Amino acid sequence: SSSVIPDLHRLAFQAAHRTWPSISVIIPNFNAPKLI
């Protein structure tokens, strides 16, 4: 179910995954110590 409207639908694709692909995360930054 959807978390907002319980009678709507969410395909549970996560259950089908046996392994998860590696992800590269790109974060631009300048100073901002608390945010980074």
PDB file of all heavy atoms in Angstrom:
ATOM      1  N   SER A   1       0.828  -1.202   0.000  1.00  0.00           N
ATOM      2  CA  SER A   1       0.000   0.000   0.000  1.00  0.00           C
ATOM      3  C   SER A   1       0.861   1.249   0.000  1.00  0.00           C
ATOM      4  O   SER A   1       2.020   1.240   0.418  1.00  0.00           O
ATOM      5  CB  SER A   1      -0.921   0.010   1.223  1.00  0.00           C
ATOM      6  OG  SER A   1      -0.171   0.128   2.411  1.00  0.00           O
ATOM      7  N   SER A   2       0.278   2.338  -0.472  1.00  0.00           N
ATOM      8  CA  SER A   2       0.908   3.646  -0.355  1.00  0.00           C
ATOM      9  C   SER A   2       0.812   4.106   1.089  1.00  0.00           C
ATOM     10  O   SER A   2      -0.174   3.842   1.781  1.00  0.00           O
ATOM     11  CB  SER A   2       0.216   4.655  -1.272  1.00  0.00           C
ATOM     12  OG  SER A   2       0.559   5.986  -0.927  1.00  0.00           O
ATOM     13  N   SER A   3       1.826   4.818   1.553  1.00  0.00           N
ATOM     14  CA  SER A   3       1.816   5.296   2.933  1.00  0.00           C
ATOM     15  C   SER A   3       0.882   6.478   3.132  1.00  0.00           C
ATOM     16  O   SER A   3       0.477   6.767   4.251  1.00  0.00           O
ATOM     17  CB  SER A   3       3.232   5.692   3.355  1.00  0.00           C
ATOM     18  OG  SER A   3       3.773   6.646   2.448  1.00  0.00           O
ATOM     19  N   VAL A   4       0.522   7.162   2.061  1.00  0.00           N
ATOM     20  CA  VAL A   4      -0.341   8.346   2.156  1.00  0.00           C
ATOM     21  C   VAL A   4      -1.808   7.964   2.006  1.00  0.00           C
ATOM     22  O   VAL A   4      -2.660   8.422   2.770  1.00  0.00           O
ATOM     23  CB  VAL A   4       0.059   9.393   1.098  1.00  0.00           C
ATOM     24  CG1 VAL A   4      -0.882  10.601   1.150  1.00  0.00           C
ATOM     25  CG2 VAL A   4       1.507   9.847   1.323  1.00  0.00           C
ATOM     26  N   ILE A   5      -2.124   7.110   1.028  1.00  0.00           N
ATOM     27  CA  ILE A   5      -3.492   6.655   0.791  1.00  0.00           C
ATOM     28  C   ILE A   5      -3.464   5.135   0.792  1.00  0.00           C
ATOM     29  O   ILE A   5      -3.018   4.514  -0.175  1.00  0.00           O
ATOM     30  CB  ILE A   5      -4.046   7.193  -0.543  1.00  0.00           C
ATOM     31  CG1 ILE A   5      -3.988   8.724  -0.565  1.00  0.00           C
ATOM     32  CG2 ILE A   5      -5.480   6.721  -0.755  1.00  0.00           C
ATOM     33  CD1 ILE A   5      -4.446   9.337  -1.871  1.00  0.00           C
ATOM     34  N   PRO A   6      -3.931   4.488   1.861  1.00  0.00           N
ATOM     35  CA  PRO A   6      -3.723   3.044   2.036  1.00  0.00           C
ATOM     36  C   PRO A   6      -4.315   2.162   0.945  1.00  0.00           C
ATOM     37  O   PRO A   6      -3.830   1.050   0.742  1.00  0.00           O
ATOM     38  CB  PRO A   6      -4.390   2.762   3.391  1.00  0.00           C
ATOM     39  CG  PRO A   6      -4.345   4.064   4.119  1.00  0.00           C
ATOM     40  CD  PRO A   6      -4.519   5.112   3.058  1.00  0.00           C
ATOM     41  N   ASP A   7      -5.370   2.611   0.230  1.00  0.00           N
ATOM     42  CA  ASP A   7      -5.948   1.746  -0.785  1.00  0.00           C
ATOM     43  C   ASP A   7      -5.310   1.952  -2.165  1.00  0.00           C
ATOM     44  O   ASP A   7      -5.752   1.350  -3.141  1.00  0.00           O
ATOM     45  CB  ASP A   7      -7.470   1.904  -0.860  1.00  0.00           C
ATOM     46  CG  ASP A   7      -7.902   3.338  -1.090  1.00  0.00           C
ATOM     47  OD1 ASP A   7      -7.368   4.233  -0.416  1.00  0.00           O
ATOM     48  OD2 ASP A   7      -8.771   3.569  -1.947  1.00  0.00           O
ATOM     49  N   LEU A   8      -4.246   2.763  -2.248  1.00  0.00           N
ATOM     50  CA  LEU A   8      -3.454   2.836  -3.465  1.00  0.00           C
ATOM     51  C   LEU A   8      -2.274   1.869  -3.338  1.00  0.00           C
ATOM     52  O   LEU A   8      -2.081   1.254  -2.300  1.00  0.00           O
ATOM     53  CB  LEU A   8      -2.990   4.269  -3.730  1.00  0.00           C
ATOM     54  CG  LEU A   8      -4.128   5.286  -3.919  1.00  0.00           C
ATOM     55  CD1 LEU A   8      -3.579   6.633  -4.350  1.00  0.00           C
ATOM     56  CD2 LEU A   8      -5.179   4.796  -4.909  1.00  0.00           C
ATOM     57  N   HIS A   9      -1.459   1.750  -4.388  1.00  0.00           N
ATOM     58  CA  HIS A   9      -0.592   0.582  -4.504  1.00  0.00           C
ATOM     59  C   HIS A   9       0.883   0.946  -4.685  1.00  0.00           C
ATOM     60  O   HIS A   9       1.225   1.971  -5.286  1.00  0.00           O
ATOM     61  CB  HIS A   9      -1.042  -0.284  -5.685  1.00  0.00           C
ATOM     62  CG  HIS A   9      -2.527  -0.357  -5.836  1.00  0.00           C
ATOM     63  ND1 HIS A   9      -3.348  -0.817  -4.834  1.00  0.00           N
ATOM     64  CD2 HIS A   9      -3.353   0.019  -6.853  1.00  0.00           C
ATOM     65  CE1 HIS A   9      -4.610  -0.749  -5.225  1.00  0.00           C
ATOM     66  NE2 HIS A   9      -4.642  -0.241  -6.442  1.00  0.00           N
ATOM     67  N   ARG A  10       1.723   0.046  -4.198  1.00  0.00           N
ATOM     68  CA  ARG A  10       3.178   0.193  -4.335  1.00  0.00           C
ATOM     69  C   ARG A  10       3.776  -1.162  -4.690  1.00  0.00           C
ATOM     70  O   ARG A  10       3.763  -2.082  -3.879  1.00  0.00           O
ATOM     71  CB  ARG A  10       3.784   0.715  -3.032  1.00  0.00           C
ATOM     72  CG  ARG A  10       5.295   0.835  -3.054  1.00  0.00           C
ATOM     73  CD  ARG A  10       5.821   1.260  -1.690  1.00  0.00           C
ATOM     74  NE  ARG A  10       7.271   1.426  -1.705  1.00  0.00           N
ATOM     75  CZ  ARG A  10       8.001   1.769  -0.634  1.00  0.00           C
ATOM     76  NH1 ARG A  10       7.391   1.983   0.533  1.00  0.00           N
ATOM     77  NH2 ARG A  10       9.311   1.894  -0.721  1.00  0.00           N
ATOM     78  N   LEU A  11       4.275  -1.280  -5.903  1.00  0.00           N
ATOM     79  CA  LEU A  11       4.965  -2.508  -6.304  1.00  0.00           C
ATOM     80  C   LEU A  11       6.207  -2.686  -5.432  1.00  0.00           C
ATOM     81  O   LEU A  11       7.045  -1.783  -5.318  1.00  0.00           O
ATOM     82  CB  LEU A  11       5.363  -2.433  -7.771  1.00  0.00           C
ATOM     83  CG  LEU A  11       4.255  -2.801  -8.769  1.00  0.00           C
ATOM     84  CD1 LEU A  11       4.575  -2.221 -10.143  1.00  0.00           C
ATOM     85  CD2 LEU A  11       4.098  -4.306  -8.866  1.00  0.00           C
ATOM     86  N   ALA A  12       6.336  -3.853  -4.823  1.00  0.00           N
ATOM     87  CA  ALA A  12       7.420  -4.111  -3.875  1.00  0.00           C
ATOM     88  C   ALA A  12       8.644  -4.640  -4.616  1.00  0.00           C
ATOM     89  O   ALA A  12       9.093  -5.775  -4.398  1.00  0.00           O
ATOM     90  CB  ALA A  12       6.962  -5.089  -2.799  1.00  0.00           C
ATOM     91  N   PHE A  13       9.212  -3.810  -5.492  1.00  0.00           N
ATOM     92  CA  PHE A  13      10.377  -4.226  -6.254  1.00  0.00           C
ATOM     93  C   PHE A  13      11.558  -4.577  -5.350  1.00  0.00           C
ATOM     94  O   PHE A  13      12.387  -5.410  -5.692  1.00  0.00           O
ATOM     95  CB  PHE A  13      10.808  -3.112  -7.212  1.00  0.00           C
ATOM     96  CG  PHE A  13       9.907  -2.936  -8.394  1.00  0.00           C
ATOM     97  CD1 PHE A  13       9.412  -1.687  -8.726  1.00  0.00           C
ATOM     98  CD2 PHE A  13       9.559  -4.004  -9.200  1.00  0.00           C
ATOM     99  CE1 PHE A  13       8.600  -1.505  -9.828  1.00  0.00           C
ATOM    100  CE2 PHE A  13       8.747  -3.844 -10.308  1.00  0.00           C
ATOM    101  CZ  PHE A  13       8.266  -2.587 -10.621  1.00  0.00           C
ATOM    102  N   GLN A  14      11.659  -3.917  -4.199  1.00  0.00           N
ATOM    103  CA  GLN A  14      12.814  -4.140  -3.330  1.00  0.00           C
ATOM    104  C   GLN A  14      12.965  -5.607  -2.955  1.00  0.00           C
ATOM    105  O   GLN A  14      14.080  -6.120  -2.843  1.00  0.00           O
ATOM    106  CB  GLN A  14      12.690  -3.297  -2.059  1.00  0.00           C
ATOM    107  CG  GLN A  14      12.848  -1.800  -2.308  1.00  0.00           C
ATOM    108  CD  GLN A  14      13.035  -1.036  -1.002  1.00  0.00           C
ATOM    109  OE1 GLN A  14      13.567  -1.569  -0.047  1.00  0.00           O
ATOM    110  NE2 GLN A  14      12.597   0.206  -0.981  1.00  0.00           N
ATOM    111  N   ALA A  15      11.832  -6.281  -2.768  1.00  0.00           N
ATOM    112  CA  ALA A  15      11.885  -7.693  -2.371  1.00  0.00           C
ATOM    113  C   ALA A  15      12.492  -8.563  -3.461  1.00  0.00           C
ATOM    114  O   ALA A  15      12.965  -9.666  -3.195  1.00  0.00           O
ATOM    115  CB  ALA A  15      10.486  -8.185  -2.024  1.00  0.00           C
ATOM    116  N   ALA A  16      12.487  -8.085  -4.704  1.00  0.00           N
ATOM    117  CA  ALA A  16      12.996  -8.873  -5.816  1.00  0.00           C
ATOM    118  C   ALA A  16      14.513  -8.805  -5.943  1.00  0.00           C
ATOM    119  O   ALA A  16      15.114  -9.582  -6.669  1.00  0.00           O
ATOM    120  CB  ALA A  16      12.356  -8.405  -7.123  1.00  0.00           C
ATOM    121  N   HIS A  17      15.147  -7.831  -5.259  1.00  0.00           N
ATOM    122  CA  HIS A  17      16.591  -7.653  -5.394  1.00  0.00           C
ATOM    123  C   HIS A  17      17.350  -8.642  -4.510  1.00  0.00           C
ATOM    124  O   HIS A  17      17.082  -8.760  -3.318  1.00  0.00           O
ATOM    125  CB  HIS A  17      16.982  -6.218  -5.023  1.00  0.00           C
ATOM    126  CG  HIS A  17      16.628  -5.229  -6.071  1.00  0.00           C
ATOM    127  ND1 HIS A  17      17.470  -4.870  -7.082  1.00  0.00           N
ATOM    128  CD2 HIS A  17      15.501  -4.518  -6.269  1.00  0.00           C
ATOM    129  CE1 HIS A  17      16.890  -3.985  -7.863  1.00  0.00           C
ATOM    130  NE2 HIS A  17      15.682  -3.759  -7.387  1.00  0.00           N
ATOM    131  N   ARG A  18      18.314  -9.324  -5.114  1.00  0.00           N
ATOM    132  CA  ARG A  18      19.187 -10.207  -4.341  1.00  0.00           C
ATOM    133  C   ARG A  18      20.504  -9.500  -4.021  1.00  0.00           C
ATOM    134  O   ARG A  18      21.077  -9.668  -2.971  1.00  0.00           O
ATOM    135  CB  ARG A  18      19.459 -11.489  -5.126  1.00  0.00           C
ATOM    136  CG  ARG A  18      18.207 -12.307  -5.377  1.00  0.00           C
ATOM    137  CD  ARG A  18      17.561 -12.776  -4.068  1.00  0.00           C
ATOM    138  NE  ARG A  18      16.346 -13.536  -4.332  1.00  0.00           N
ATOM    139  CZ  ARG A  18      15.131 -12.985  -4.334  1.00  0.00           C
ATOM    140  NH1 ARG A  18      14.982 -11.699  -4.076  1.00  0.00           N
ATOM    141  NH2 ARG A  18      14.070 -13.731  -4.575  1.00  0.00           N
ATOM    142  N   THR A  19      20.990  -8.707  -4.950  1.00  0.00           N
ATOM    143  CA  THR A  19      22.162  -7.872  -4.720  1.00  0.00           C
ATOM    144  C   THR A  19      21.827  -6.454  -5.160  1.00  0.00           C
ATOM    145  O   THR A  19      20.964  -6.253  -6.024  1.00  0.00           O
ATOM    146  CB  THR A  19      23.378  -8.377  -5.507  1.00  0.00           C
ATOM    147  OG1 THR A  19      23.067  -8.366  -6.906  1.00  0.00           O
ATOM    148  CG2 THR A  19      23.752  -9.788  -5.071  1.00  0.00           C
ATOM    149  N   TRP A  20      22.509  -5.489  -4.576  1.00  0.00           N
ATOM    150  CA  TRP A  20      22.261  -4.091  -4.900  1.00  0.00           C
ATOM    151  C   TRP A  20      23.480  -3.522  -5.616  1.00  0.00           C
ATOM    152  O   TRP A  20      24.611  -3.728  -5.169  1.00  0.00           O
ATOM    153  CB  TRP A  20      21.961  -3.283  -3.635  1.00  0.00           C
ATOM    154  CG  TRP A  20      20.677  -3.686  -3.000  1.00  0.00           C
ATOM    155  CD1 TRP A  20      20.501  -4.623  -2.027  1.00  0.00           C
ATOM    156  CD2 TRP A  20      19.378  -3.187  -3.314  1.00  0.00           C
ATOM    157  NE1 TRP A  20      19.166  -4.741  -1.707  1.00  0.00           N
ATOM    158  CE2 TRP A  20      18.445  -3.866  -2.481  1.00  0.00           C
ATOM    159  CE3 TRP A  20      18.884  -2.239  -4.207  1.00  0.00           C
ATOM    160  CZ2 TRP A  20      17.087  -3.625  -2.512  1.00  0.00           C
ATOM    161  CZ3 TRP A  20      17.522  -1.991  -4.243  1.00  0.00           C
ATOM    162  CH2 TRP A  20      16.640  -2.676  -3.413  1.00  0.00           C
ATOM    163  N   PRO A  21      23.275  -2.817  -6.720  1.00  0.00           N
ATOM    164  CA  PRO A  21      24.409  -2.279  -7.470  1.00  0.00           C
ATOM    165  C   PRO A  21      25.118  -1.173  -6.697  1.00  0.00           C
ATOM    166  O   PRO A  21      24.508  -0.439  -5.919  1.00  0.00           O
ATOM    167  CB  PRO A  21      23.753  -1.726  -8.741  1.00  0.00           C
ATOM    168  CG  PRO A  21      22.359  -1.378  -8.320  1.00  0.00           C
ATOM    169  CD  PRO A  21      21.977  -2.427  -7.315  1.00  0.00           C
ATOM    170  N   SER A  22      26.411  -1.054  -6.927  1.00  0.00           N
ATOM    171  CA  SER A  22      27.172   0.044  -6.339  1.00  0.00           C
ATOM    172  C   SER A  22      26.685   1.381  -6.895  1.00  0.00           C
ATOM    173  O   SER A  22      26.294   1.472  -8.071  1.00  0.00           O
ATOM    174  CB  SER A  22      28.658  -0.136  -6.651  1.00  0.00           C
ATOM    175  OG  SER A  22      29.400   0.985  -6.219  1.00  0.00           O
ATOM    176  N   ILE A  23      26.698   2.401  -6.051  1.00  0.00           N
ATOM    177  CA  ILE A  23      26.252   3.739  -6.456  1.00  0.00           C
ATOM    178  C   ILE A  23      27.367   4.736  -6.169  1.00  0.00           C
ATOM    179  O   ILE A  23      27.946   4.748  -5.070  1.00  0.00           O
ATOM    180  CB  ILE A  23      24.976   4.165  -5.707  1.00  0.00           C
ATOM    181  CG1 ILE A  23      23.817   3.232  -6.028  1.00  0.00           C
ATOM    182  CG2 ILE A  23      24.605   5.610  -6.049  1.00  0.00           C
ATOM    183  CD1 ILE A  23      22.550   3.558  -5.260  1.00  0.00           C
ATOM    184  N   SER A  24      27.675   5.588  -7.141  1.00  0.00           N
ATOM    185  CA  SER A  24      28.575   6.714  -6.940  1.00  0.00           C
ATOM    186  C   SER A  24      27.749   7.943  -6.616  1.00  0.00           C
ATOM    187  O   SER A  24      26.846   8.311  -7.382  1.00  0.00           O
ATOM    188  CB  SER A  24      29.415   6.968  -8.195  1.00  0.00           C
ATOM    189  OG  SER A  24      30.283   5.879  -8.443  1.00  0.00           O
ATOM    190  N   VAL A  25      28.036   8.569  -5.488  1.00  0.00           N
ATOM    191  CA  VAL A  25      27.305   9.757  -5.037  1.00  0.00           C
ATOM    192  C   VAL A  25      28.170  10.978  -5.293  1.00  0.00           C
ATOM    193  O   VAL A  25      29.310  11.050  -4.818  1.00  0.00           O
ATOM    194  CB  VAL A  25      26.955   9.667  -3.543  1.00  0.00           C
ATOM    195  CG1 VAL A  25      26.084  10.843  -3.132  1.00  0.00           C
ATOM    196  CG2 VAL A  25      26.270   8.343  -3.219  1.00  0.00           C
ATOM    197  N   ILE A  26      27.653  11.937  -6.046  1.00  0.00           N
ATOM    198  CA  ILE A  26      28.390  13.163  -6.385  1.00  0.00           C
ATOM    199  C   ILE A  26      27.773  14.325  -5.626  1.00  0.00           C
ATOM    200  O   ILE A  26      26.580  14.633  -5.800  1.00  0.00           O
ATOM    201  CB  ILE A  26      28.369  13.430  -7.908  1.00  0.00           C
ATOM    202  CG1 ILE A  26      29.163  12.353  -8.648  1.00  0.00           C
ATOM    203  CG2 ILE A  26      28.931  14.801  -8.231  1.00  0.00           C
ATOM    204  CD1 ILE A  26      28.370  11.170  -9.112  1.00  0.00           C
ATOM    205  N   ILE A  27      28.574  14.985  -4.778  1.00  0.00           N
ATOM    206  CA  ILE A  27      28.084  16.088  -3.946  1.00  0.00           C
ATOM    207  C   ILE A  27      28.948  17.324  -4.187  1.00  0.00           C
ATOM    208  O   ILE A  27      30.095  17.389  -3.716  1.00  0.00           O
ATOM    209  CB  ILE A  27      28.133  15.730  -2.451  1.00  0.00           C
ATOM    210  CG1 ILE A  27      27.444  14.396  -2.176  1.00  0.00           C
ATOM    211  CG2 ILE A  27      27.490  16.845  -1.618  1.00  0.00           C
ATOM    212  CD1 ILE A  27      27.590  13.912  -0.743  1.00  0.00           C
ATOM    213  N   PRO A  28      28.475  18.319  -4.912  1.00  0.00           N
ATOM    214  CA  PRO A  28      29.208  19.596  -4.992  1.00  0.00           C
ATOM    215  C   PRO A  28      29.152  20.326  -3.647  1.00  0.00           C
ATOM    216  O   PRO A  28      28.127  20.291  -2.958  1.00  0.00           O
ATOM    217  CB  PRO A  28      28.445  20.370  -6.073  1.00  0.00           C
ATOM    218  CG  PRO A  28      27.670  19.329  -6.837  1.00  0.00           C
ATOM    219  CD  PRO A  28      27.318  18.293  -5.805  1.00  0.00           C
ATOM    220  N   ASN A  29      30.255  20.988  -3.290  1.00  0.00           N
ATOM    221  CA  ASN A  29      30.285  21.684  -1.995  1.00  0.00           C
ATOM    222  C   ASN A  29      31.272  22.848  -2.025  1.00  0.00           C
ATOM    223  O   ASN A  29      32.259  22.837  -2.763  1.00  0.00           O
ATOM    224  CB  ASN A  29      30.689  20.710  -0.878  1.00  0.00           C
ATOM    225  CG  ASN A  29      30.580  21.362   0.500  1.00  0.00           C
ATOM    226  OD1 ASN A  29      29.492  21.777   0.888  1.00  0.00           O
ATOM    227  ND2 ASN A  29      31.684  21.476   1.226  1.00  0.00           N
ATOM    228  N   PHE A  30      30.969  23.840  -1.186  1.00  0.00           N
ATOM    229  CA  PHE A  30      31.904  24.933  -0.909  1.00  0.00           C
ATOM    230  C   PHE A  30      31.699  25.355   0.537  1.00  0.00           C
ATOM    231  O   PHE A  30      30.614  25.826   0.913  1.00  0.00           O
ATOM    232  CB  PHE A  30      31.673  26.111  -1.861  1.00  0.00           C
ATOM    233  CG  PHE A  30      32.526  27.303  -1.533  1.00  0.00           C
ATOM    234  CD1 PHE A  30      33.905  27.264  -1.760  1.00  0.00           C
ATOM    235  CD2 PHE A  30      31.978  28.452  -0.980  1.00  0.00           C
ATOM    236  CE1 PHE A  30      34.704  28.360  -1.449  1.00  0.00           C
ATOM    237  CE2 PHE A  30      32.758  29.541  -0.673  1.00  0.00           C
ATOM    238  CZ  PHE A  30      34.138  29.505  -0.910  1.00  0.00           C
ATOM    239  N   ASN A  31      32.729  25.142   1.361  1.00  0.00           N
ATOM    240  CA  ASN A  31      32.638  25.433   2.795  1.00  0.00           C
ATOM    241  C   ASN A  31      31.441  24.701   3.414  1.00  0.00           C
ATOM    242  O   ASN A  31      31.378  23.501   3.371  1.00  0.00           O
ATOM    243  CB  ASN A  31      32.623  26.934   3.040  1.00  0.00           C
ATOM    244  CG  ASN A  31      34.007  27.532   2.786  1.00  0.00           C
ATOM    245  OD1 ASN A  31      35.034  26.888   3.016  1.00  0.00           O
ATOM    246  ND2 ASN A  31      34.043  28.779   2.316  1.00  0.00           N
ATOM    247  N   ALA A  32      30.462  25.433   3.984  1.00  0.00           N
ATOM    248  CA  ALA A  32      29.226  24.849   4.532  1.00  0.00           C
ATOM    249  C   ALA A  32      29.491  23.625   5.405  1.00  0.00           C
ATOM    250  O   ALA A  32      28.987  22.530   5.126  1.00  0.00           O
ATOM    251  CB  ALA A  32      28.271  24.495   3.391  1.00  0.00           C
ATOM    252  N   PRO A  33      30.293  23.758   6.484  1.00  0.00           N
ATOM    253  CA  PRO A  33      30.682  22.569   7.270  1.00  0.00           C
ATOM    254  C   PRO A  33      29.498  21.826   7.879  1.00  0.00           C
ATOM    255  O   PRO A  33      29.499  20.587   7.904  1.00  0.00           O
ATOM    256  CB  PRO A  33      31.603  23.149   8.344  1.00  0.00           C
ATOM    257  CG  PRO A  33      31.276  24.614   8.405  1.00  0.00           C
ATOM    258  CD  PRO A  33      30.887  24.998   7.020  1.00  0.00           C
ATOM    259  N   LYS A  34      28.502  22.537   8.378  1.00  0.00           N
ATOM    260  CA  LYS A  34      27.363  21.849   8.996  1.00  0.00           C
ATOM    261  C   LYS A  34      26.583  21.045   7.966  1.00  0.00           C
ATOM    262  O   LYS A  34      26.143  19.911   8.235  1.00  0.00           O
ATOM    263  CB  LYS A  34      26.454  22.859   9.690  1.00  0.00           C
ATOM    264  CG  LYS A  34      27.077  23.504  10.919  1.00  0.00           C
ATOM    265  CD  LYS A  34      26.097  24.449  11.605  1.00  0.00           C
ATOM    266  CE  LYS A  34      26.730  25.075  12.846  1.00  0.00           C
ATOM    267  NZ  LYS A  34      25.806  26.024  13.517  1.00  0.00           N
ATOM    268  N   LEU A  35      26.404  21.624   6.783  1.00  0.00           N
ATOM    269  CA  LEU A  35      25.631  20.927   5.755  1.00  0.00           C
ATOM    270  C   LEU A  35      26.353  19.694   5.236  1.00  0.00           C
ATOM    271  O   LEU A  35      25.759  18.622   5.090  1.00  0.00           O
ATOM    272  CB  LEU A  35      25.314  21.884   4.600  1.00  0.00           C
ATOM    273  CG  LEU A  35      24.345  23.024   4.895  1.00  0.00           C
ATOM    274  CD1 LEU A  35      24.206  23.921   3.674  1.00  0.00           C
ATOM    275  CD2 LEU A  35      22.984  22.491   5.311  1.00  0.00           C
ATOM    276  N   ILE A  36      27.645  19.827   4.940  1.00  0.00           N
ATOM    277  CA  ILE A  36      28.356  18.683   4.374  1.00  0.00           C
ATOM    278  C   ILE A  36      28.488  17.568   5.406  1.00  0.00           C
ATOM    279  O   ILE A  36      28.409  16.383   5.076  1.00  0.00           O
ATOM    280  CB  ILE A  36      29.730  19.113   3.799  1.00  0.00           C
ATOM    281  CG1 ILE A  36      30.290  18.015   2.908  1.00  0.00           C
ATOM    282  CG2 ILE A  36      30.704  19.503   4.888  1.00  0.00           C
ATOM    283  CD1 ILE A  36      29.490  17.757   1.649  1.00  0.00           C
TER     284      ILE A  36
END
